[in-house]
Amino acid sequence: MTTQIEKAERFLALHQGPEPLLLPNPWDIGSAKLLASLGFSALASTSGGFAATLGRPDGHVTRGEALTHASNLVEATNLPVSADLENCFADDPETVAETVALAIEAGLTGCSLEDFTRDEDKPIYDLPLAAARVAAAAEAAATGPVRLVLTARAENYLYGRTDLADTIARLQAYQEAGADVLYAPGLTRLEDIRQVVSSVDRPVNVLALRGGPPIAELAAAGVRRVSVGAGFAFAALGAVVEAATELREQGTYGFLERAAAGRAA
């Protein structure tokens, strides 16, 4: 059995491979096992996908629930697992650091920290506080024998702030604060992604989105990691909606043909 230390080292090394790390996001134990069986090298939780399993919207899971879920994913396979820990369930750097320490205790090899405040009137933390939060997380991630891989997220584009210059400035500040991986979810224009990659010295993660560049173009642009967020979870739910609609409205069972792939897996 691979140790947590070995998995953390492996996870970081995967960001330096010849191709971008494809990081799928399971939403429960079964999907984690399935994705591992399909040959992926690492996994990451999805806050939105997990919340959906509880019948809640994204952002409505407690820290304890998120960490228990993450621990379950860790136990499900022998792959490195990173956790989407939202804003680390805190505004202040001290509690952010506490959350990261708990992530290590949960067996994780990585986690992400976003700069979204949960405040609709002021959705993004001011940069000095945001950078201090990353610095506290980075210090906690490097404390002890396990070197947790910290991903710092600049959330501007998810909340209507399509300011590339500010986004890059934030990512640069998070790099200086000690983040291992940088991530600005919501970017879809290849030229913007190229500019982000060329402006920082850390691996860049891109979120797979409709209309976004395919993997080959992202690889050519220097992207080192691609994740799907809640995409797989909602694709699975979409398949349930289609099957249920067919059964109720048409009274037919065509969905059972599509179910064969799931059963075989």
C-alpha atoms as a PDB file:
ATOM      1  CA  MET A   1       0.000   0.000   0.000  1.00  0.00           C
ATOM      2  CA  THR A   2       1.397   3.390  -0.998  1.00  0.00           C
ATOM      3  CA  THR A   3       1.927   5.758   1.921  1.00  0.00           C
ATOM      4  CA  GLN A   4       0.435   9.236   2.115  1.00  0.00           C
ATOM      5  CA  ILE A   5       3.892  10.755   1.789  1.00  0.00           C
ATOM      6  CA  GLU A   6       4.582   8.745  -1.373  1.00  0.00           C
ATOM      7  CA  LYS A   7       1.205   9.634  -2.849  1.00  0.00           C
ATOM      8  CA  ALA A   8       1.765  13.344  -2.176  1.00  0.00           C
ATOM      9  CA  GLU A   9       5.159  13.197  -3.888  1.00  0.00           C
ATOM     10  CA  ARG A  10       3.618  11.306  -6.786  1.00  0.00           C
ATOM     11  CA  PHE A  11       0.782  13.815  -7.100  1.00  0.00           C
ATOM     12  CA  LEU A  12       3.182  16.749  -7.348  1.00  0.00           C
ATOM     13  CA  ALA A  13       5.346  14.899  -9.883  1.00  0.00           C
ATOM     14  CA  LEU A  14       2.326  14.227 -12.085  1.00  0.00           C
ATOM     15  CA  HIS A  15       2.177  17.969 -12.780  1.00  0.00           C
ATOM     16  CA  GLN A  16       5.538  17.718 -14.550  1.00  0.00           C
ATOM     17  CA  GLY A  17       4.756  14.866 -16.934  1.00  0.00           C
ATOM     18  CA  PRO A  18       4.928  14.975 -20.732  1.00  0.00           C
ATOM     19  CA  GLU A  19       1.162  15.577 -20.975  1.00  0.00           C
ATOM     20  CA  PRO A  20      -1.278  17.489 -18.763  1.00  0.00           C
ATOM     21  CA  LEU A  21      -2.542  15.583 -15.751  1.00  0.00           C
ATOM     22  CA  LEU A  22      -6.187  14.693 -16.400  1.00  0.00           C
ATOM     23  CA  LEU A  23      -7.759  15.007 -12.967  1.00  0.00           C
ATOM     24  CA  PRO A  24     -11.323  13.648 -12.815  1.00  0.00           C
ATOM     25  CA  ASN A  25     -13.634  14.603  -9.977  1.00  0.00           C
ATOM     26  CA  PRO A  26     -15.564  11.738  -8.353  1.00  0.00           C
ATOM     27  CA  TRP A  27     -18.566  12.592  -6.236  1.00  0.00           C
ATOM     28  CA  ASP A  28     -18.836   9.403  -4.157  1.00  0.00           C
ATOM     29  CA  ILE A  29     -17.007   6.176  -3.369  1.00  0.00           C
ATOM     30  CA  GLY A  30     -18.434   4.303  -6.334  1.00  0.00           C
ATOM     31  CA  SER A  31     -17.433   6.945  -8.869  1.00  0.00           C
ATOM     32  CA  ALA A  32     -13.949   7.110  -7.312  1.00  0.00           C
ATOM     33  CA  LYS A  33     -13.482   3.380  -7.748  1.00  0.00           C
ATOM     34  CA  LEU A  34     -14.859   3.547 -11.287  1.00  0.00           C
ATOM     35  CA  LEU A  35     -12.546   6.376 -12.347  1.00  0.00           C
ATOM     36  CA  ALA A  36      -9.555   4.611 -10.809  1.00  0.00           C
ATOM     37  CA  SER A  37     -10.437   1.471 -12.771  1.00  0.00           C
ATOM     38  CA  LEU A  38     -10.453   3.506 -15.998  1.00  0.00           C
ATOM     39  CA  GLY A  39      -6.781   4.323 -15.597  1.00  0.00           C
ATOM     40  CA  PHE A  40      -6.628   7.841 -14.177  1.00  0.00           C
ATOM     41  CA  SER A  41      -3.528   8.642 -12.131  1.00  0.00           C
ATOM     42  CA  ALA A  42      -5.114  10.824  -9.431  1.00  0.00           C
ATOM     43  CA  LEU A  43      -8.505  12.046  -8.253  1.00  0.00           C
ATOM     44  CA  ALA A  44      -9.958  15.246  -6.824  1.00  0.00           C
ATOM     45  CA  SER A  45     -13.227  15.790  -5.043  1.00  0.00           C
ATOM     46  CA  THR A  46     -15.869  18.179  -6.333  1.00  0.00           C
ATOM     47  CA  SER A  47     -17.716  20.395  -3.881  1.00  0.00           C
ATOM     48  CA  GLY A  48     -20.650  20.800  -6.262  1.00  0.00           C
ATOM     49  CA  GLY A  49     -20.875  17.107  -7.090  1.00  0.00           C
ATOM     50  CA  PHE A  50     -20.700  16.069  -3.451  1.00  0.00           C
ATOM     51  CA  ALA A  51     -23.281  18.658  -2.421  1.00  0.00           C
ATOM     52  CA  ALA A  52     -25.616  17.269  -5.096  1.00  0.00           C
ATOM     53  CA  THR A  53     -25.439  13.815  -3.489  1.00  0.00           C
ATOM     54  CA  LEU A  54     -26.849  15.439  -0.345  1.00  0.00           C
ATOM     55  CA  GLY A  55     -29.559  17.281  -2.259  1.00  0.00           C
ATOM     56  CA  ARG A  56     -27.907  20.644  -1.686  1.00  0.00           C
ATOM     57  CA  PRO A  57     -26.428  23.355  -3.928  1.00  0.00           C
ATOM     58  CA  ASP A  58     -22.700  23.966  -4.068  1.00  0.00           C
ATOM     59  CA  GLY A  59     -21.384  25.868  -1.063  1.00  0.00           C
ATOM     60  CA  HIS A  60     -23.801  24.281   1.403  1.00  0.00           C
ATOM     61  CA  VAL A  61     -21.580  21.552   2.872  1.00  0.00           C
ATOM     62  CA  THR A  62     -19.880  21.868   6.239  1.00  0.00           C
ATOM     63  CA  ARG A  63     -16.165  21.460   6.809  1.00  0.00           C
ATOM     64  CA  GLY A  64     -16.735  18.241   8.705  1.00  0.00           C
ATOM     65  CA  GLU A  65     -18.882  16.806   5.934  1.00  0.00           C
ATOM     66  CA  ALA A  66     -16.349  17.764   3.266  1.00  0.00           C
ATOM     67  CA  LEU A  67     -13.427  16.236   5.143  1.00  0.00           C
ATOM     68  CA  THR A  68     -15.309  13.023   5.922  1.00  0.00           C
ATOM     69  CA  HIS A  69     -16.241  12.744   2.254  1.00  0.00           C
ATOM     70  CA  ALA A  70     -12.623  13.367   1.231  1.00  0.00           C
ATOM     71  CA  SER A  71     -11.411  10.717   3.654  1.00  0.00           C
ATOM     72  CA  ASN A  72     -13.856   8.251   2.132  1.00  0.00           C
ATOM     73  CA  LEU A  73     -12.450   8.976  -1.323  1.00  0.00           C
ATOM     74  CA  VAL A  74      -8.918   8.440  -0.020  1.00  0.00           C
ATOM     75  CA  GLU A  75      -9.901   5.044   1.374  1.00  0.00           C
ATOM     76  CA  ALA A  76     -11.681   4.043  -1.845  1.00  0.00           C
ATOM     77  CA  THR A  77      -8.534   3.701  -3.986  1.00  0.00           C
ATOM     78  CA  ASN A  78      -4.756   3.794  -3.790  1.00  0.00           C
ATOM     79  CA  LEU A  79      -4.549   6.935  -5.927  1.00  0.00           C
ATOM     80  CA  PRO A  80      -3.522  10.401  -4.744  1.00  0.00           C
ATOM     81  CA  VAL A  81      -6.607  12.426  -3.818  1.00  0.00           C
ATOM     82  CA  SER A  82      -6.900  16.203  -3.686  1.00  0.00           C
ATOM     83  CA  ALA A  83      -9.922  17.885  -2.129  1.00  0.00           C
ATOM     84  CA  ASP A  84     -11.966  20.868  -3.230  1.00  0.00           C
ATOM     85  CA  LEU A  85     -12.183  22.623   0.141  1.00  0.00           C
ATOM     86  CA  GLU A  86     -13.884  25.746  -1.227  1.00  0.00           C
ATOM     87  CA  ASN A  87     -12.623  28.734   0.818  1.00  0.00           C
ATOM     88  CA  CYS A  88     -11.398  26.334   3.519  1.00  0.00           C
ATOM     89  CA  PHE A  89     -14.604  27.200   5.379  1.00  0.00           C
ATOM     90  CA  ALA A  90     -13.148  30.371   6.852  1.00  0.00           C
ATOM     91  CA  ASP A  91     -12.296  33.987   6.172  1.00  0.00           C
ATOM     92  CA  ASP A  92      -9.337  34.315   8.526  1.00  0.00           C
ATOM     93  CA  PRO A  93      -5.924  32.809   7.719  1.00  0.00           C
ATOM     94  CA  GLU A  94      -5.686  31.003  11.043  1.00  0.00           C
ATOM     95  CA  THR A  95      -8.786  28.897  10.436  1.00  0.00           C
ATOM     96  CA  VAL A  96      -7.739  28.304   6.839  1.00  0.00           C
ATOM     97  CA  ALA A  97      -4.502  26.795   8.182  1.00  0.00           C
ATOM     98  CA  GLU A  98      -6.500  24.661  10.599  1.00  0.00           C
ATOM     99  CA  THR A  99      -8.588  23.280   7.722  1.00  0.00           C
ATOM    100  CA  VAL A 100      -5.453  22.379   5.765  1.00  0.00           C
ATOM    101  CA  ALA A 101      -4.032  20.578   8.796  1.00  0.00           C
ATOM    102  CA  LEU A 102      -7.270  18.598   9.052  1.00  0.00           C
ATOM    103  CA  ALA A 103      -6.983  17.759   5.351  1.00  0.00           C
ATOM    104  CA  ILE A 104      -3.625  16.150   6.009  1.00  0.00           C
ATOM    105  CA  GLU A 105      -5.125  14.179   8.879  1.00  0.00           C
ATOM    106  CA  ALA A 106      -7.857  12.990   6.493  1.00  0.00           C
ATOM    107  CA  GLY A 107      -5.188  11.329   4.336  1.00  0.00           C
ATOM    108  CA  LEU A 108      -5.313  13.762   1.446  1.00  0.00           C
ATOM    109  CA  THR A 109      -2.356  14.499  -0.801  1.00  0.00           C
ATOM    110  CA  GLY A 110      -3.630  17.864  -2.013  1.00  0.00           C
ATOM    111  CA  CYS A 111      -6.323  20.479  -1.537  1.00  0.00           C
ATOM    112  CA  SER A 112      -7.526  23.682  -3.125  1.00  0.00           C
ATOM    113  CA  LEU A 113      -8.256  27.089  -1.612  1.00  0.00           C
ATOM    114  CA  GLU A 114     -10.401  29.622  -3.437  1.00  0.00           C
ATOM    115  CA  ASP A 115     -10.728  33.391  -2.997  1.00  0.00           C
ATOM    116  CA  PHE A 116     -14.542  33.430  -3.213  1.00  0.00           C
ATOM    117  CA  THR A 117     -16.013  34.995  -0.058  1.00  0.00           C
ATOM    118  CA  ARG A 118     -19.590  33.623  -0.213  1.00  0.00           C
ATOM    119  CA  ASP A 119     -20.731  37.269  -0.021  1.00  0.00           C
ATOM    120  CA  GLU A 120     -22.795  38.261  -3.066  1.00  0.00           C
ATOM    121  CA  ASP A 121     -22.051  41.944  -2.537  1.00  0.00           C
ATOM    122  CA  LYS A 122     -18.300  41.379  -2.350  1.00  0.00           C
ATOM    123  CA  PRO A 123     -17.611  37.952  -3.827  1.00  0.00           C
ATOM    124  CA  ILE A 124     -13.803  38.060  -3.955  1.00  0.00           C
ATOM    125  CA  TYR A 125     -11.456  38.653  -1.038  1.00  0.00           C
ATOM    126  CA  ASP A 126      -9.259  41.747  -1.246  1.00  0.00           C
ATOM    127  CA  LEU A 127      -5.867  40.688  -2.547  1.00  0.00           C
ATOM    128  CA  PRO A 128      -3.833  41.255   0.655  1.00  0.00           C
ATOM    129  CA  LEU A 129      -6.183  39.048   2.670  1.00  0.00           C
ATOM    130  CA  ALA A 130      -6.459  36.496  -0.134  1.00  0.00           C
ATOM    131  CA  ALA A 131      -2.661  36.209  -0.319  1.00  0.00           C
ATOM    132  CA  ALA A 132      -2.380  35.933   3.463  1.00  0.00           C
ATOM    133  CA  ARG A 133      -4.873  33.091   3.389  1.00  0.00           C
ATOM    134  CA  VAL A 134      -2.794  31.263   0.786  1.00  0.00           C
ATOM    135  CA  ALA A 135       0.377  31.851   2.791  1.00  0.00           C
ATOM    136  CA  ALA A 136      -1.246  30.368   5.902  1.00  0.00           C
ATOM    137  CA  ALA A 137      -2.470  27.380   3.908  1.00  0.00           C
ATOM    138  CA  ALA A 138       0.955  26.865   2.336  1.00  0.00           C
ATOM    139  CA  GLU A 139       2.672  26.924   5.724  1.00  0.00           C
ATOM    140  CA  ALA A 140       0.225  24.363   7.098  1.00  0.00           C
ATOM    141  CA  ALA A 141       0.605  22.226   3.962  1.00  0.00           C
ATOM    142  CA  ALA A 142       4.378  22.073   4.443  1.00  0.00           C
ATOM    143  CA  THR A 143       4.267  21.291   8.170  1.00  0.00           C
ATOM    144  CA  GLY A 144       4.995  17.710   9.098  1.00  0.00           C
ATOM    145  CA  PRO A 145       6.146  14.732   7.066  1.00  0.00           C
ATOM    146  CA  VAL A 146       3.384  14.999   4.414  1.00  0.00           C
ATOM    147  CA  ARG A 147       3.888  17.823   1.900  1.00  0.00           C
ATOM    148  CA  LEU A 148       0.321  18.566   0.817  1.00  0.00           C
ATOM    149  CA  VAL A 149       0.040  19.924  -2.749  1.00  0.00           C
ATOM    150  CA  LEU A 150      -1.760  23.270  -2.458  1.00  0.00           C
ATOM    151  CA  THR A 151      -3.805  24.639  -5.352  1.00  0.00           C
ATOM    152  CA  ALA A 152      -4.731  28.333  -5.101  1.00  0.00           C
ATOM    153  CA  ARG A 153      -7.789  29.431  -7.067  1.00  0.00           C
ATOM    154  CA  ALA A 154      -8.620  32.886  -8.430  1.00  0.00           C
ATOM    155  CA  GLU A 155     -12.404  32.866  -8.822  1.00  0.00           C
ATOM    156  CA  ASN A 156     -12.957  36.141 -10.708  1.00  0.00           C
ATOM    157  CA  TYR A 157     -14.377  34.617 -13.879  1.00  0.00           C
ATOM    158  CA  LEU A 158     -16.945  32.507 -12.036  1.00  0.00           C
ATOM    159  CA  TYR A 159     -18.472  35.596 -10.454  1.00  0.00           C
ATOM    160  CA  GLY A 160     -18.701  38.110 -13.260  1.00  0.00           C
ATOM    161  CA  ARG A 161     -15.292  39.712 -12.794  1.00  0.00           C
ATOM    162  CA  THR A 162     -13.758  39.039 -16.222  1.00  0.00           C
ATOM    163  CA  ASP A 163     -10.610  40.982 -15.455  1.00  0.00           C
ATOM    164  CA  LEU A 164      -7.674  38.994 -16.767  1.00  0.00           C
ATOM    165  CA  ALA A 165      -5.056  41.408 -15.439  1.00  0.00           C
ATOM    166  CA  ASP A 166      -6.425  41.170 -11.904  1.00  0.00           C
ATOM    167  CA  THR A 167      -6.733  37.406 -12.208  1.00  0.00           C
ATOM    168  CA  ILE A 168      -3.089  37.107 -13.234  1.00  0.00           C
ATOM    169  CA  ALA A 169      -2.002  39.478 -10.459  1.00  0.00           C
ATOM    170  CA  ARG A 170      -3.837  37.276  -7.972  1.00  0.00           C
ATOM    171  CA  LEU A 171      -2.259  34.087  -9.275  1.00  0.00           C
ATOM    172  CA  GLN A 172       1.177  35.690  -9.127  1.00  0.00           C
ATOM    173  CA  ALA A 173       0.548  36.739  -5.527  1.00  0.00           C
ATOM    174  CA  TYR A 174      -0.626  33.233  -4.641  1.00  0.00           C
ATOM    175  CA  GLN A 175       2.521  31.814  -6.225  1.00  0.00           C
ATOM    176  CA  GLU A 176       4.635  34.110  -4.071  1.00  0.00           C
ATOM    177  CA  ALA A 177       2.584  33.055  -1.039  1.00  0.00           C
ATOM    178  CA  GLY A 178       3.591  29.429  -1.576  1.00  0.00           C
ATOM    179  CA  ALA A 179       0.938  27.758  -3.745  1.00  0.00           C
ATOM    180  CA  ASP A 180       2.101  24.711  -5.709  1.00  0.00           C
ATOM    181  CA  VAL A 181      -0.557  24.868  -8.441  1.00  0.00           C
ATOM    182  CA  LEU A 182      -2.534  27.834  -9.792  1.00  0.00           C
ATOM    183  CA  TYR A 183      -6.097  27.747 -11.052  1.00  0.00           C
ATOM    184  CA  ALA A 184      -8.479  30.344 -12.514  1.00  0.00           C
ATOM    185  CA  PRO A 185     -11.715  28.462 -13.227  1.00  0.00           C
ATOM    186  CA  GLY A 186     -13.920  29.964 -15.901  1.00  0.00           C
ATOM    187  CA  LEU A 187     -11.286  30.748 -18.523  1.00  0.00           C
ATOM    188  CA  THR A 188     -12.251  29.447 -21.975  1.00  0.00           C
ATOM    189  CA  ARG A 189     -10.304  31.612 -24.441  1.00  0.00           C
ATOM    190  CA  LEU A 190      -7.054  29.946 -25.438  1.00  0.00           C
ATOM    191  CA  GLU A 191      -5.254  33.284 -25.693  1.00  0.00           C
ATOM    192  CA  ASP A 192      -6.208  34.115 -22.096  1.00  0.00           C
ATOM    193  CA  ILE A 193      -5.058  30.714 -20.898  1.00  0.00           C
ATOM    194  CA  ARG A 194      -1.743  31.135 -22.716  1.00  0.00           C
ATOM    195  CA  GLN A 195      -1.262  34.510 -21.042  1.00  0.00           C
ATOM    196  CA  VAL A 196      -1.907  33.025 -17.603  1.00  0.00           C
ATOM    197  CA  VAL A 197       0.543  30.181 -18.196  1.00  0.00           C
ATOM    198  CA  SER A 198       3.266  32.534 -19.421  1.00  0.00           C
ATOM    199  CA  SER A 199       2.764  34.896 -16.471  1.00  0.00           C
ATOM    200  CA  VAL A 200       3.436  32.411 -13.660  1.00  0.00           C
ATOM    201  CA  ASP A 201       6.055  29.830 -12.717  1.00  0.00           C
ATOM    202  CA  ARG A 202       3.762  27.169 -11.275  1.00  0.00           C
ATOM    203  CA  PRO A 203       1.694  24.463 -12.964  1.00  0.00           C
ATOM    204  CA  VAL A 204      -1.654  25.812 -14.150  1.00  0.00           C
ATOM    205  CA  ASN A 205      -4.927  23.909 -13.877  1.00  0.00           C
ATOM    206  CA  VAL A 206      -7.748  24.581 -16.346  1.00  0.00           C
ATOM    207  CA  LEU A 207     -11.373  23.639 -15.788  1.00  0.00           C
ATOM    208  CA  ALA A 208     -12.947  21.748 -18.692  1.00  0.00           C
ATOM    209  CA  LEU A 209     -15.894  23.844 -19.858  1.00  0.00           C
ATOM    210  CA  ARG A 210     -18.236  23.820 -22.823  1.00  0.00           C
ATOM    211  CA  GLY A 211     -16.608  25.883 -25.561  1.00  0.00           C
ATOM    212  CA  GLY A 212     -13.165  25.568 -24.021  1.00  0.00           C
ATOM    213  CA  PRO A 213     -10.081  24.363 -25.896  1.00  0.00           C
ATOM    214  CA  PRO A 214      -9.545  20.595 -26.225  1.00  0.00           C
ATOM    215  CA  ILE A 215      -6.791  18.874 -24.274  1.00  0.00           C
ATOM    216  CA  ALA A 216      -4.317  18.929 -27.171  1.00  0.00           C
ATOM    217  CA  GLU A 217      -4.539  22.724 -27.453  1.00  0.00           C
ATOM    218  CA  LEU A 218      -4.263  23.179 -23.705  1.00  0.00           C
ATOM    219  CA  ALA A 219      -1.175  20.968 -23.686  1.00  0.00           C
ATOM    220  CA  ALA A 220       0.399  23.031 -26.445  1.00  0.00           C
ATOM    221  CA  ALA A 221      -0.340  26.169 -24.416  1.00  0.00           C
ATOM    222  CA  GLY A 222       1.596  24.760 -21.456  1.00  0.00           C
ATOM    223  CA  VAL A 223      -1.322  23.807 -19.212  1.00  0.00           C
ATOM    224  CA  ARG A 224      -0.202  21.152 -16.744  1.00  0.00           C
ATOM    225  CA  ARG A 225      -3.534  19.929 -15.345  1.00  0.00           C
ATOM    226  CA  VAL A 226      -7.151  19.706 -16.504  1.00  0.00           C
ATOM    227  CA  SER A 227     -10.044  18.988 -14.145  1.00  0.00           C
ATOM    228  CA  VAL A 228     -13.777  18.638 -14.755  1.00  0.00           C
ATOM    229  CA  GLY A 229     -15.250  20.044 -11.539  1.00  0.00           C
ATOM    230  CA  ALA A 230     -18.816  18.821 -11.127  1.00  0.00           C
ATOM    231  CA  GLY A 231     -19.002  17.990 -14.834  1.00  0.00           C
ATOM    232  CA  PHE A 232     -18.956  14.202 -14.476  1.00  0.00           C
ATOM    233  CA  ALA A 233     -21.382  14.285 -11.539  1.00  0.00           C
ATOM    234  CA  PHE A 234     -23.892  16.401 -13.430  1.00  0.00           C
ATOM    235  CA  ALA A 235     -23.400  14.311 -16.580  1.00  0.00           C
ATOM    236  CA  ALA A 236     -24.420  11.275 -14.514  1.00  0.00           C
ATOM    237  CA  LEU A 237     -27.442  13.125 -13.139  1.00  0.00           C
ATOM    238  CA  GLY A 238     -28.304  14.234 -16.660  1.00  0.00           C
ATOM    239  CA  ALA A 239     -28.329  10.609 -17.776  1.00  0.00           C
ATOM    240  CA  VAL A 240     -30.783   9.816 -14.954  1.00  0.00           C
ATOM    241  CA  VAL A 241     -33.029  12.696 -16.045  1.00  0.00           C
ATOM    242  CA  GLU A 242     -33.016  11.452 -19.647  1.00  0.00           C
ATOM    243  CA  ALA A 243     -33.792   7.882 -18.595  1.00  0.00           C
ATOM    244  CA  ALA A 244     -36.562   8.923 -16.218  1.00  0.00           C
ATOM    245  CA  THR A 245     -38.097  11.237 -18.813  1.00  0.00           C
ATOM    246  CA  GLU A 246     -38.100   8.454 -21.402  1.00  0.00           C
ATOM    247  CA  LEU A 247     -39.774   6.063 -18.976  1.00  0.00           C
ATOM    248  CA  ARG A 248     -42.469   8.552 -17.889  1.00  0.00           C
ATOM    249  CA  GLU A 249     -43.199  10.210 -21.219  1.00  0.00           C
ATOM    250  CA  GLN A 250     -42.567   7.457 -23.761  1.00  0.00           C
ATOM    251  CA  GLY A 251     -42.916   4.291 -21.733  1.00  0.00           C
ATOM    252  CA  THR A 252     -39.866   2.792 -23.421  1.00  0.00           C
ATOM    253  CA  TYR A 253     -36.577   1.397 -22.173  1.00  0.00           C
ATOM    254  CA  GLY A 254     -33.930   2.733 -24.531  1.00  0.00           C
ATOM    255  CA  PHE A 255     -31.968   3.912 -21.523  1.00  0.00           C
ATOM    256  CA  LEU A 256     -31.153   0.295 -20.722  1.00  0.00           C
ATOM    257  CA  GLU A 257     -28.871   0.168 -23.764  1.00  0.00           C
ATOM    258  CA  ARG A 258     -26.912   3.124 -22.384  1.00  0.00           C
ATOM    259  CA  ALA A 259     -26.920   1.489 -18.954  1.00  0.00           C
ATOM    260  CA  ALA A 260     -24.954  -1.459 -20.324  1.00  0.00           C
ATOM    261  CA  ALA A 261     -21.699   0.517 -20.211  1.00  0.00           C
ATOM    262  CA  GLY A 262     -22.300   1.422 -16.579  1.00  0.00           C
ATOM    263  CA  ARG A 263     -23.161  -2.131 -15.660  1.00  0.00           C
ATOM    264  CA  ALA A 264     -20.041  -3.446 -17.374  1.00  0.00           C
ATOM    265  CA  ALA A 265     -17.874  -0.941 -15.516  1.00  0.00           C
END
